[in-house]
Amino acid sequence: MRRINSDFQTLHISEEGQKLSNRDYFGYVEMDDFACYVLADSLDDEPAVNSARLVVDSIIRDFTEAPTMGKGTLRRYLLRAHTELLKQRAGMHLKVAVVVAVTDYRTLRYCHVGNSRLYLIRNARILEQTKDQSLTQNLLEQERILLDEAARHEERNNLYSFLGERGKPEIQISRKKKLEAGDLLIQLTRGVWEQCGEQELLRIVNDAKETKDILDQVEDCILMEQNSRSIDNYSMAVTAVNKVYQSPKKPVSVKKVLMIVLPVLLVVITVGVTLFLRYRSIQNKTQSLLQYMESGEEYLACSNFQKVAEEYEAAKKLADSLHKEQEYREADSYTKLAEQVILADEALSAAEYQKAQELYLAARQMAVEKGNVGLSYIEGQLNRTEGYIEVFDLIAQGERKEEYDNLTGAIALYQEAKEKAAALYFMDGKKEALELQMAAEETLEKEQLAAEKRLQEQIEAEAVSRALDQDQKTNDQQNAINMENQGNELLAQGSYESAITFYRVAQASYKQLGLTELADGIDKKMEAAQAGIAAKEAQAAEAEKQKSE
């Protein structure tokens, strides 16, 4: 009934400027008791998706299903639009600035993220306005730049918050403001306020006779600059409050009220209490659902997946009881992601590294599909798991080297595994690699000591053999000398044949011992013995001759 008993007129313009396409979007809905006006500006350049339209459609859809001016619900509508951007970007980074105004045809509440603006103008002055979430606005509030410089400042589009950012956007929501007939509600994107400042806008509003005149003159102001500077997409919506809703004041008859109320008072109270309790239960559940969803998102930001699973599981049960299908699907998907990560963490703790790797890979795919939520933690755990697998692969290679008695190669692989485990702070892997390395080094040391001992024994044996050979040689030489001396005695005694026998034995021994000079000296003694034998035979022949004569 409020809509037909009030008069709100809305007109808007939205053009591409000098861009190839218009990526601004405006939408609104006026219902019986509430109205919602949404203006969004795409901050990305993705040609496949109009991110501004996606946000506007999401907010209008949620508002149509449950019209309200409640701060918490409006915040949830914007967060849901933010989530839809994250879900649908598929590798793209969709970004949107948005300003939303809601009214019950008597009061106004507005909220915004980014640098799309709203002005509530009354009596040719700005009564309410949003503040850009930009570095330029911060510098302006710190009085480091002048107001006239803000619209041209180089950091005016350097935003610290917007829908589609990887963190949680900072949603600014105003208090309720009572409307009066003659108010103007103006929403505009950066393409407008960059070219048409506040003072120029107020002048245009003051001079305009109709709402359409405001749009036409603002567009003229923008297009005047097209030859000297680049004109961005520009969109502007003007809602003229010609009449606000007034509650009817009817005279009340106490007698009539009593006659009507008393017969049904008991029924009304019973039904009222029942409905109130049911309503309060639904409200409490809805509030709890929102709290669980927000808590789950906060735990996701700090990678506490155990709490994520608990919060979203509780949210899923509430959404099911409230028949909220979209919230149920969202909570269910986050619950499955958290449970997948928990299973992977448990496998990693149980040293089931191949299983953990497979679970983390599946979790990473789920995280990417959910807009990269929790992705940094999952990739960190995946890298850690892969590192553990590499450590044990190196250990296994070292053990195979040991099997083939390549202890040096095994020690090098154990050393590499130990260093990699230390870099990963993988204490179990480091301990195992160190123990294997020490055992291999001990075995290698024992083998080296055994080889050294065998070498020493061989050297000693050779030395003994040489000593024995030397003793034998000395004995043989002494025997040869004795034989020679015996031959000398026999030669002196005239036993020439016996002397020659001893000389020959002595000469053979000298030659065998390599004493050539001594062997050659025997020849003269043997010649002397031969001469003695010849002389002795000559004497015998002479004696025989004399005897026969």
Protein backbone atom coordinates (compact mmCIF):
# COMPACT_ATOMS: atom_id res chain seq x y z
CA MET A 1 0.00 0.00 0.00
CA ARG A 2 2.90 2.39 0.57
CA ARG A 3 3.95 2.46 -3.06
CA ILE A 4 0.58 3.58 -4.44
CA ASN A 5 0.34 6.22 -1.70
CA SER A 6 3.71 7.75 -2.49
CA ASP A 7 5.34 9.15 -5.63
CA PHE A 8 8.91 8.09 -6.48
CA GLN A 9 10.11 8.79 -10.04
CA THR A 10 13.33 7.11 -11.26
CA LEU A 11 15.22 7.91 -14.50
CA HIS A 12 18.72 6.88 -15.47
CA ILE A 13 21.37 7.02 -18.21
CA SER A 14 24.16 4.51 -18.86
CA GLU A 15 26.59 4.89 -21.79
CA GLU A 16 29.91 3.38 -22.86
CA GLY A 17 31.70 6.77 -23.23
CA GLN A 18 34.79 6.22 -25.36
CA LYS A 19 35.12 2.56 -24.35
CA LEU A 20 34.28 -0.39 -26.60
CA SER A 21 31.41 -1.52 -24.41
CA ASN A 22 29.40 -0.29 -21.45
CA ARG A 23 30.33 -2.25 -18.31
CA ASP A 24 28.18 -0.22 -15.88
CA TYR A 25 24.75 -1.54 -14.90
CA PHE A 26 21.72 -0.13 -13.09
CA GLY A 27 18.67 -1.98 -11.86
CA TYR A 28 15.86 -1.34 -9.42
CA VAL A 29 12.66 -2.84 -8.10
CA GLU A 30 9.71 -1.01 -6.50
CA MET A 31 7.47 -3.30 -4.45
CA ASP A 32 4.40 -2.58 -2.35
CA ASP A 33 6.30 -1.73 0.83
CA PHE A 34 9.95 -1.49 -0.20
CA ALA A 35 12.11 -0.39 -3.12
CA CYS A 36 15.72 -1.13 -3.98
CA TYR A 37 18.02 0.76 -6.39
CA VAL A 38 21.39 -0.75 -7.37
CA LEU A 39 24.15 0.82 -9.51
CA ALA A 40 27.37 -1.11 -10.21
CA ASP A 41 30.62 -0.37 -12.07
CA SER A 42 32.81 -3.19 -13.46
CA LEU A 43 36.43 -2.56 -12.48
CA ASP A 44 37.73 -5.42 -14.64
CA ASP A 45 38.06 -5.75 -18.42
CA GLU A 46 36.82 -9.32 -18.87
CA PRO A 47 34.80 -9.37 -22.12
CA ALA A 48 33.06 -12.68 -21.38
CA VAL A 49 31.28 -11.58 -18.19
CA ASN A 50 29.53 -8.35 -17.27
CA SER A 51 30.45 -8.44 -13.60
CA ALA A 52 28.41 -5.30 -12.81
CA ARG A 53 25.22 -6.90 -14.14
CA LEU A 54 25.95 -10.10 -12.23
CA VAL A 55 26.15 -8.12 -8.96
CA VAL A 56 23.02 -6.05 -9.65
CA ASP A 57 20.98 -9.13 -10.59
CA SER A 58 22.14 -10.98 -7.47
CA ILE A 59 21.20 -8.15 -5.09
CA ILE A 60 17.84 -7.42 -6.79
CA ARG A 61 17.00 -11.13 -6.75
CA ASP A 62 17.75 -11.51 -3.04
CA PHE A 63 15.92 -8.31 -2.17
CA THR A 64 12.84 -9.35 -4.15
CA GLU A 65 12.70 -12.64 -2.26
CA ALA A 66 13.08 -10.97 1.16
CA PRO A 67 12.65 -7.17 1.01
CA THR A 68 14.14 -5.45 4.06
CA MET A 69 16.07 -2.46 5.35
CA GLY A 70 17.92 -4.48 8.01
CA LYS A 71 21.66 -3.90 8.12
CA GLY A 72 22.58 -7.55 8.62
CA THR A 73 20.46 -8.78 5.73
CA LEU A 74 21.71 -6.09 3.36
CA ARG A 75 25.29 -6.97 4.29
CA ARG A 76 24.51 -10.61 3.53
CA TYR A 77 23.07 -9.67 0.11
CA LEU A 78 26.32 -7.88 -0.83
CA LEU A 79 28.48 -10.72 0.51
CA ARG A 80 26.47 -13.19 -1.56
CA ALA A 81 27.07 -11.09 -4.68
CA HIS A 82 30.76 -11.02 -3.74
CA THR A 83 30.74 -14.84 -3.49
CA GLU A 84 29.08 -15.19 -6.89
CA LEU A 85 31.87 -13.13 -8.45
CA LEU A 86 34.45 -15.46 -6.92
CA LYS A 87 32.57 -18.56 -8.07
CA GLN A 88 32.14 -17.50 -11.69
CA ARG A 89 35.47 -15.96 -12.45
CA ALA A 90 37.13 -19.28 -13.55
CA GLY A 91 40.63 -17.82 -13.63
CA MET A 92 39.37 -14.26 -14.26
CA HIS A 93 39.61 -11.60 -11.55
CA LEU A 94 36.16 -9.98 -11.56
CA LYS A 95 35.94 -6.71 -9.62
CA VAL A 96 32.96 -4.43 -9.00
CA ALA A 97 32.17 -1.18 -7.19
CA VAL A 98 28.52 -0.96 -6.14
CA VAL A 99 26.13 1.42 -4.37
CA VAL A 100 22.71 0.28 -3.11
CA ALA A 101 19.78 2.36 -1.84
CA VAL A 102 16.71 0.85 -0.15
CA THR A 103 13.57 2.64 1.05
CA ASP A 104 10.19 1.95 2.59
CA TYR A 105 8.89 5.11 0.87
CA ARG A 106 9.39 7.02 4.14
CA THR A 107 13.05 6.49 5.05
CA LEU A 108 16.28 5.74 3.21
CA ARG A 109 19.24 3.47 3.94
CA TYR A 110 22.20 3.03 1.60
CA CYS A 111 25.30 0.86 1.46
CA HIS A 112 28.28 0.70 -0.84
CA VAL A 113 31.67 -0.88 -1.62
CA GLY A 114 34.30 0.86 -3.80
CA ASN A 115 33.92 4.27 -5.43
CA SER A 116 30.44 4.32 -6.95
CA ARG A 117 28.63 7.16 -5.19
CA LEU A 118 25.25 8.19 -3.77
CA TYR A 119 24.04 11.71 -2.97
CA LEU A 120 20.86 12.63 -1.08
CA ILE A 121 20.12 16.21 -2.12
CA ARG A 122 17.61 18.42 -0.33
CA ASN A 123 17.03 22.11 -1.00
CA ALA A 124 19.98 22.24 -3.46
CA ARG A 125 22.53 20.95 -0.96
CA ILE A 126 24.04 17.54 -0.32
CA LEU A 127 22.47 16.14 2.82
CA GLU A 128 23.99 12.61 2.72
CA GLN A 129 26.75 11.08 0.60
CA THR A 130 29.01 8.02 0.43
CA LYS A 131 32.77 8.12 0.86
CA ASP A 132 35.02 6.42 -1.70
CA GLN A 133 37.08 3.49 -0.41
CA SER A 134 40.20 4.75 -2.16
CA LEU A 135 43.65 6.10 -1.41
CA THR A 136 42.55 9.51 -2.72
CA GLN A 137 39.70 9.66 -0.16
CA ASN A 138 42.18 8.79 2.61
CA LEU A 139 44.51 11.58 1.47
CA LEU A 140 41.53 13.96 1.34
CA GLU A 141 40.48 13.09 4.91
CA GLN A 142 44.09 13.58 6.04
CA GLU A 143 43.98 17.03 4.34
CA ARG A 144 46.97 16.09 2.19
CA ILE A 145 45.10 17.04 -1.00
CA LEU A 146 42.36 19.59 -1.72
CA LEU A 147 38.74 18.68 -2.57
CA ASP A 148 39.13 20.20 -6.05
CA GLU A 149 42.04 17.81 -6.77
CA ALA A 150 40.20 14.62 -5.77
CA ALA A 151 38.27 14.04 -9.02
CA ARG A 152 41.52 14.20 -11.05
CA HIS A 153 43.88 12.63 -8.51
CA GLU A 154 45.94 9.72 -9.91
CA GLU A 155 45.02 7.42 -6.97
CA ARG A 156 41.23 7.98 -7.20
CA ASN A 157 40.72 4.45 -8.58
CA ASN A 158 43.24 2.80 -6.24
CA LEU A 159 40.64 1.03 -4.08
CA TYR A 160 41.30 -0.77 -0.83
CA SER A 161 37.94 -2.58 -0.99
CA PHE A 162 35.62 -3.84 -3.73
CA LEU A 163 33.43 -6.85 -4.50
CA GLY A 164 35.47 -9.72 -5.94
CA GLU A 165 38.63 -9.04 -3.90
CA ARG A 166 40.38 -12.05 -2.41
CA GLY A 167 39.64 -10.98 1.13
CA LYS A 168 36.36 -9.90 2.69
CA PRO A 169 35.08 -6.56 1.35
CA GLU A 170 34.46 -3.67 3.74
CA ILE A 171 30.75 -2.94 3.34
CA GLN A 172 29.67 0.53 4.47
CA ILE A 173 26.02 0.77 5.59
CA SER A 174 24.33 4.02 6.63
CA ARG A 175 21.79 4.66 9.35
CA LYS A 176 18.17 5.27 8.33
CA LYS A 177 17.42 8.76 7.05
CA LYS A 178 13.91 10.18 6.93
CA LEU A 179 12.85 11.31 3.45
CA GLU A 180 10.91 14.45 2.59
CA ALA A 181 8.98 15.48 -0.51
CA GLY A 182 11.36 17.19 -2.95
CA ASP A 183 14.40 15.06 -2.08
CA LEU A 184 16.62 13.78 -4.87
CA LEU A 185 18.43 10.46 -4.61
CA ILE A 186 21.34 10.40 -7.10
CA GLN A 187 23.56 7.37 -7.79
CA LEU A 188 26.54 7.71 -10.12
CA THR A 189 29.66 5.84 -11.25
CA ARG A 190 33.18 7.22 -11.52
CA GLY A 191 32.63 8.08 -15.18
CA VAL A 192 30.22 10.80 -13.99
CA TRP A 193 31.92 12.26 -10.92
CA GLU A 194 35.34 12.36 -12.62
CA GLN A 195 33.90 14.78 -15.22
CA CYS A 196 31.16 16.54 -13.26
CA GLY A 197 32.15 17.73 -9.79
CA GLU A 198 29.86 18.21 -6.80
CA GLN A 199 29.46 21.96 -7.22
CA GLU A 200 28.63 21.59 -10.91
CA LEU A 201 26.13 18.83 -10.04
CA LEU A 202 24.42 21.06 -7.44
CA ARG A 203 24.23 23.89 -9.98
CA ILE A 204 22.60 21.56 -12.52
CA VAL A 205 20.11 20.28 -9.90
CA ASN A 206 19.22 23.85 -8.88
CA ASP A 207 18.69 24.95 -12.49
CA ALA A 208 16.77 21.85 -13.66
CA LYS A 209 13.01 22.05 -13.93
CA GLU A 210 12.45 18.30 -14.37
CA THR A 211 14.31 15.15 -13.45
CA LYS A 212 15.18 14.50 -17.10
CA ASP A 213 16.87 17.89 -17.30
CA ILE A 214 19.35 16.79 -14.64
CA LEU A 215 20.38 13.73 -16.67
CA ASP A 216 20.62 15.69 -19.93
CA GLN A 217 22.72 18.51 -18.46
CA VAL A 218 25.07 16.11 -16.62
CA GLU A 219 25.60 14.17 -19.87
CA ASP A 220 26.34 17.45 -21.70
CA CYS A 221 28.87 18.30 -18.98
CA ILE A 222 30.58 14.92 -19.47
CA LEU A 223 30.66 15.04 -23.26
CA MET A 224 32.15 18.55 -23.27
CA GLU A 225 35.42 16.93 -22.16
CA GLN A 226 35.53 14.14 -24.75
CA ASN A 227 37.99 15.92 -27.06
CA SER A 228 40.49 16.71 -24.31
CA ARG A 229 40.39 13.59 -22.16
CA SER A 230 39.30 9.95 -22.17
CA ILE A 231 35.64 9.41 -21.22
CA ASP A 232 34.96 6.22 -19.25
CA ASN A 233 31.63 4.37 -19.05
CA TYR A 234 29.24 6.73 -17.28
CA SER A 235 25.99 5.87 -15.51
CA MET A 236 23.69 7.94 -13.37
CA ALA A 237 20.29 7.28 -11.78
CA VAL A 238 18.09 9.99 -10.31
CA THR A 239 15.12 9.16 -8.08
CA ALA A 240 12.87 12.12 -7.39
CA VAL A 241 10.89 11.83 -4.15
CA ASN A 242 7.77 13.78 -5.14
CA LYS A 243 5.71 12.40 -2.25
CA VAL A 244 6.56 10.25 0.78
CA TYR A 245 4.19 7.77 2.32
CA GLN A 246 2.05 9.09 5.20
CA SER A 247 0.33 6.69 7.61
CA PRO A 248 -3.44 7.27 7.63
CA LYS A 249 -4.84 8.65 10.89
CA LYS A 250 -8.34 7.29 11.51
CA PRO A 251 -10.46 8.05 14.58
CA VAL A 252 -10.65 5.05 16.83
CA SER A 253 -13.88 4.06 18.64
CA VAL A 254 -13.12 2.22 21.85
CA LYS A 255 -16.57 0.62 21.93
CA LYS A 256 -16.23 -0.61 18.38
CA VAL A 257 -12.77 -1.95 19.03
CA LEU A 258 -13.95 -3.80 22.11
CA MET A 259 -16.91 -5.28 20.28
CA ILE A 260 -14.62 -6.57 17.54
CA VAL A 261 -11.68 -7.63 19.64
CA LEU A 262 -13.26 -9.31 22.65
CA PRO A 263 -14.96 -12.23 20.83
CA VAL A 264 -11.77 -13.22 19.13
CA LEU A 265 -9.24 -12.04 21.70
CA LEU A 266 -8.34 -15.52 22.91
CA VAL A 267 -7.91 -16.81 19.38
CA VAL A 268 -5.84 -13.80 18.38
CA ILE A 269 -3.59 -14.13 21.40
CA THR A 270 -3.10 -17.83 20.81
CA VAL A 271 -2.42 -17.43 17.12
CA GLY A 272 -0.30 -14.35 17.76
CA VAL A 273 1.85 -16.07 20.35
CA THR A 274 2.24 -19.10 18.09
CA LEU A 275 3.17 -16.97 15.10
CA PHE A 276 5.45 -14.81 17.19
CA LEU A 277 7.27 -17.81 18.58
CA ARG A 278 7.57 -19.30 15.11
CA TYR A 279 8.71 -15.98 13.68
CA ARG A 280 11.21 -15.50 16.49
CA SER A 281 12.48 -19.04 15.96
CA ILE A 282 12.92 -18.40 12.24
CA GLN A 283 14.62 -15.09 12.91
CA ASN A 284 16.94 -16.67 15.45
CA LYS A 285 17.75 -19.51 13.07
CA THR A 286 18.32 -17.06 10.21
CA GLN A 287 20.61 -14.97 12.38
CA SER A 288 22.45 -18.07 13.56
CA LEU A 289 22.77 -19.23 9.94
CA LEU A 290 24.33 -15.90 8.98
CA GLN A 291 26.69 -16.05 11.96
CA TYR A 292 27.78 -19.59 11.13
CA MET A 293 28.38 -18.63 7.48
CA GLU A 294 30.41 -15.57 8.50
CA SER A 295 32.37 -17.57 11.09
CA GLY A 296 33.09 -20.26 8.51
CA GLU A 297 34.39 -17.61 6.11
CA GLU A 298 36.63 -16.15 8.83
CA TYR A 299 38.03 -19.59 9.68
CA LEU A 300 38.65 -20.16 5.96
CA ALA A 301 40.72 -16.98 5.86
CA CYS A 302 43.01 -18.36 8.61
CA SER A 303 42.99 -21.95 7.20
CA ASN A 304 41.39 -23.52 10.30
CA PHE A 305 39.59 -26.23 8.35
CA GLN A 306 38.42 -28.15 11.42
CA LYS A 307 36.41 -25.11 12.53
CA VAL A 308 35.37 -24.43 8.91
CA ALA A 309 33.80 -27.90 8.74
CA GLU A 310 32.05 -27.42 12.09
CA GLU A 311 30.66 -23.96 11.28
CA TYR A 312 29.46 -24.80 7.77
CA GLU A 313 28.00 -28.14 8.92
CA ALA A 314 25.94 -26.24 11.50
CA ALA A 315 24.99 -23.69 8.82
CA LYS A 316 23.96 -26.50 6.46
CA LYS A 317 21.60 -27.98 9.05
CA LEU A 318 19.99 -24.59 9.70
CA ALA A 319 19.67 -23.85 5.97
CA ASP A 320 17.99 -27.24 5.51
CA SER A 321 15.52 -26.55 8.32
CA LEU A 322 14.78 -23.09 6.87
CA HIS A 323 14.50 -24.51 3.30
CA LYS A 324 17.18 -22.10 2.05
CA GLU A 325 18.52 -24.09 -0.88
CA GLN A 326 21.22 -21.65 -1.99
CA GLU A 327 22.70 -21.30 1.51
CA TYR A 328 22.51 -25.09 1.91
CA ARG A 329 24.46 -25.69 -1.32
CA GLU A 330 27.05 -23.07 -0.38
CA ALA A 331 27.54 -24.47 3.14
CA ASP A 332 27.66 -28.03 1.79
CA SER A 333 30.38 -27.19 -0.74
CA TYR A 334 32.54 -25.50 1.90
CA THR A 335 31.97 -28.41 4.29
CA LYS A 336 33.16 -30.88 1.65
CA LEU A 337 36.23 -28.74 0.92
CA ALA A 338 37.11 -28.58 4.62
CA GLU A 339 36.57 -32.33 5.09
CA GLN A 340 38.78 -33.06 2.08
CA VAL A 341 41.59 -30.96 3.56
CA ILE A 342 41.14 -32.60 6.98
CA LEU A 343 41.41 -36.08 5.41
CA ALA A 344 44.57 -34.99 3.58
CA ASP A 345 46.07 -33.58 6.80
CA GLU A 346 45.29 -36.85 8.62
CA ALA A 347 46.94 -38.89 5.86
CA LEU A 348 50.01 -36.63 6.04
CA SER A 349 50.19 -37.03 9.84
CA ALA A 350 49.93 -40.82 9.42
CA ALA A 351 52.88 -40.74 6.96
CA GLU A 352 50.61 -41.92 4.10
CA TYR A 353 52.24 -39.47 1.72
CA GLN A 354 50.96 -40.78 -1.62
CA LYS A 355 47.40 -40.80 -0.28
CA ALA A 356 47.86 -37.31 1.19
CA GLN A 357 49.14 -36.03 -2.16
CA GLU A 358 46.07 -37.35 -4.00
CA LEU A 359 43.73 -35.82 -1.39
CA TYR A 360 45.47 -32.42 -1.53
CA LEU A 361 45.28 -32.40 -5.34
CA ALA A 362 41.53 -33.01 -5.16
CA ALA A 363 41.20 -30.31 -2.47
CA ARG A 364 43.12 -27.84 -4.63
CA GLN A 365 40.70 -28.40 -7.52
CA MET A 366 37.76 -27.80 -5.16
CA ALA A 367 39.40 -24.64 -3.82
CA VAL A 368 39.94 -23.26 -7.34
CA GLU A 369 36.28 -23.92 -8.18
CA LYS A 370 35.30 -22.02 -4.99
CA GLY A 371 37.28 -18.92 -5.96
CA ASN A 372 40.70 -19.99 -4.59
CA VAL A 373 39.53 -20.02 -0.95
CA GLY A 374 42.12 -21.75 1.26
CA LEU A 375 44.32 -22.30 -1.81
CA SER A 376 47.54 -20.97 -0.23
CA TYR A 377 47.30 -23.44 2.68
CA ILE A 378 46.46 -26.39 0.41
CA GLU A 379 49.32 -25.65 -2.00
CA GLY A 380 51.69 -25.26 0.97
CA GLN A 381 50.66 -28.67 2.31
CA LEU A 382 50.88 -30.19 -1.17
CA ASN A 383 54.42 -28.87 -1.63
CA ARG A 384 55.30 -30.18 1.82
CA THR A 385 53.91 -33.63 0.97
CA GLU A 386 55.77 -33.74 -2.33
CA GLY A 387 58.94 -32.80 -0.45
CA TYR A 388 58.40 -35.69 1.98
CA ILE A 389 57.93 -38.09 -0.95
CA GLU A 390 61.18 -36.85 -2.51
CA VAL A 391 63.00 -37.44 0.80
CA PHE A 392 61.86 -41.07 0.94
CA ASP A 393 62.61 -41.55 -2.76
CA LEU A 394 66.20 -40.46 -2.08
CA ILE A 395 66.37 -42.82 0.90
CA ALA A 396 65.08 -45.71 -1.25
CA GLN A 397 67.69 -44.96 -3.94
CA GLY A 398 70.37 -44.96 -1.24
CA GLU A 399 69.23 -48.35 0.03
CA ARG A 400 69.43 -49.77 -3.50
CA LYS A 401 72.99 -48.43 -3.77
CA GLU A 402 73.81 -50.24 -0.52
CA GLU A 403 72.42 -53.49 -1.89
CA TYR A 404 74.95 -53.24 -4.74
CA ASP A 405 77.76 -52.41 -2.24
CA ASN A 406 78.03 -48.83 -3.52
CA LEU A 407 78.35 -47.34 -0.05
CA THR A 408 79.81 -44.03 -1.26
CA GLY A 409 76.85 -43.43 -3.58
CA ALA A 410 74.41 -44.47 -0.82
CA ILE A 411 75.96 -42.05 1.67
CA ALA A 412 75.68 -39.18 -0.84
CA LEU A 413 71.94 -39.91 -1.37
CA TYR A 414 71.31 -40.20 2.39
CA GLN A 415 73.09 -36.86 2.86
CA GLU A 416 70.90 -35.23 0.18
CA ALA A 417 67.74 -36.71 1.77
CA LYS A 418 68.81 -35.43 5.19
CA GLU A 419 69.44 -31.89 3.89
CA LYS A 420 66.10 -31.78 2.05
CA ALA A 421 64.26 -33.05 5.15
CA ALA A 422 65.98 -30.39 7.26
CA ALA A 423 64.89 -27.67 4.82
CA LEU A 424 61.29 -28.96 5.13
CA TYR A 425 61.55 -29.25 8.95
CA PHE A 426 60.69 -32.92 8.40
CA MET A 427 62.18 -34.38 11.58
CA ASP A 428 61.20 -38.03 10.99
CA GLY A 429 62.67 -38.04 7.49
CA LYS A 430 65.82 -36.28 8.71
CA LYS A 431 66.24 -38.78 11.55
CA GLU A 432 65.82 -41.81 9.26
CA ALA A 433 68.19 -40.43 6.62
CA LEU A 434 70.77 -39.57 9.30
CA GLU A 435 70.59 -43.06 10.86
CA LEU A 436 71.03 -44.73 7.46
CA GLN A 437 73.89 -42.38 6.58
CA MET A 438 75.69 -43.12 9.88
CA ALA A 439 75.18 -46.88 9.46
CA ALA A 440 76.52 -46.78 5.88
CA GLU A 441 79.48 -44.65 6.94
CA GLU A 442 80.22 -47.10 9.79
CA THR A 443 80.10 -50.05 7.38
CA LEU A 444 82.33 -48.20 4.92
CA GLU A 445 84.79 -47.36 7.70
CA LYS A 446 84.92 -50.99 8.83
CA GLU A 447 85.57 -52.15 5.27
CA GLN A 448 88.34 -49.57 4.87
CA LEU A 449 89.94 -50.66 8.16
CA ALA A 450 89.74 -54.31 7.10
CA ALA A 451 91.35 -53.49 3.76
CA GLU A 452 94.11 -51.53 5.50
CA LYS A 453 94.68 -54.45 7.89
CA ARG A 454 94.93 -56.92 4.99
CA LEU A 455 97.38 -54.61 3.22
CA GLN A 456 99.51 -54.32 6.35
CA GLU A 457 99.53 -58.08 6.82
CA GLN A 458 100.56 -58.51 3.18
CA ILE A 459 103.39 -56.03 3.61
CA GLU A 460 104.58 -57.78 6.76
CA ALA A 461 104.39 -61.18 5.07
CA GLU A 462 106.43 -59.90 2.16
CA ALA A 463 108.98 -58.45 4.56
CA VAL A 464 109.28 -61.81 6.37
CA SER A 465 109.63 -63.57 3.04
CA ARG A 466 112.36 -61.19 1.98
CA ALA A 467 114.14 -61.71 5.30
CA LEU A 468 113.93 -65.46 4.91
CA ASP A 469 115.21 -65.20 1.35
CA GLN A 470 118.09 -63.07 2.57
CA ASP A 471 118.92 -65.57 5.32
CA GLN A 472 118.78 -68.41 2.79
CA LYS A 473 121.03 -66.49 0.43
CA THR A 474 123.51 -65.79 3.24
CA ASN A 475 123.50 -69.47 4.21
CA ASP A 476 123.97 -70.55 0.58
CA GLN A 477 126.86 -68.10 0.18
CA GLN A 478 128.49 -69.36 3.39
CA ASN A 479 128.08 -72.94 2.19
CA ALA A 480 129.71 -72.02 -1.13
CA ILE A 481 132.60 -70.39 0.74
CA ASN A 482 132.95 -73.49 2.90
CA MET A 483 133.00 -75.67 -0.22
CA GLU A 484 135.66 -73.43 -1.76
CA ASN A 485 137.76 -73.58 1.44
CA GLN A 486 137.38 -77.37 1.54
CA GLY A 487 138.58 -77.48 -2.07
CA ASN A 488 141.57 -75.29 -1.08
CA GLU A 489 142.52 -77.73 1.71
CA LEU A 490 142.21 -80.71 -0.59
CA LEU A 491 144.27 -78.90 -3.25
CA ALA A 492 146.96 -78.24 -0.69
CA GLN A 493 146.91 -81.90 0.33
CA GLY A 494 147.25 -82.92 -3.32
CA SER A 495 143.77 -84.44 -3.54
CA TYR A 496 143.19 -82.78 -6.84
CA GLU A 497 140.08 -84.72 -7.99
CA SER A 498 138.29 -84.13 -4.66
CA ALA A 499 139.34 -80.48 -4.72
CA ILE A 500 137.83 -80.10 -8.21
CA THR A 501 134.53 -81.63 -6.98
CA PHE A 502 134.27 -79.12 -4.14
CA TYR A 503 135.28 -76.26 -6.45
CA ARG A 504 132.53 -77.16 -8.94
CA VAL A 505 129.87 -77.24 -6.18
CA ALA A 506 131.10 -73.86 -4.84
CA GLN A 507 131.17 -72.35 -8.38
CA ALA A 508 127.57 -73.50 -9.07
CA SER A 509 126.40 -71.95 -5.79
CA TYR A 510 128.14 -68.64 -6.61
CA LYS A 511 126.49 -68.52 -10.02
CA GLN A 512 123.06 -69.31 -8.53
CA LEU A 513 123.55 -66.48 -6.01
CA GLY A 514 124.65 -64.11 -8.80
CA LEU A 515 128.21 -63.81 -7.41
CA THR A 516 129.84 -63.90 -10.85
CA GLU A 517 133.21 -62.57 -9.76
CA LEU A 518 133.61 -65.28 -7.08
CA ALA A 519 132.41 -67.93 -9.57
CA ASP A 520 135.03 -66.79 -12.12
CA GLY A 521 137.74 -66.95 -9.41
CA ILE A 522 137.08 -70.70 -8.97
CA ASP A 523 138.19 -71.36 -12.57
CA LYS A 524 141.88 -70.60 -11.77
CA LYS A 525 141.79 -72.89 -8.75
CA MET A 526 140.26 -75.64 -10.84
CA GLU A 527 142.99 -75.13 -13.48
CA ALA A 528 145.60 -75.46 -10.72
CA ALA A 529 143.98 -78.74 -9.59
CA GLN A 530 143.96 -79.98 -13.21
CA ALA A 531 147.62 -79.09 -13.48
CA GLY A 532 148.33 -80.99 -10.29
CA ILE A 533 146.56 -84.05 -11.64
CA ALA A 534 148.59 -83.83 -14.87
CA ALA A 535 151.89 -83.47 -12.96
CA LYS A 536 150.99 -86.36 -10.71
CA GLU A 537 150.21 -88.56 -13.75
CA ALA A 538 153.50 -87.54 -15.40
CA GLN A 539 155.47 -88.52 -12.27
CA ALA A 540 153.71 -91.88 -12.17
CA ALA A 541 154.52 -92.51 -15.81
CA GLU A 542 158.15 -91.56 -15.26
CA ALA A 543 158.40 -93.86 -12.26
CA GLU A 544 156.83 -96.74 -14.18
CA LYS A 545 159.27 -96.14 -16.99
CA GLN A 546 162.26 -96.18 -14.68
CA LYS A 547 160.99 -99.36 -13.02
CA SER A 548 160.67 -101.15 -16.36
CA GLU A 549 164.19 -100.16 -17.32
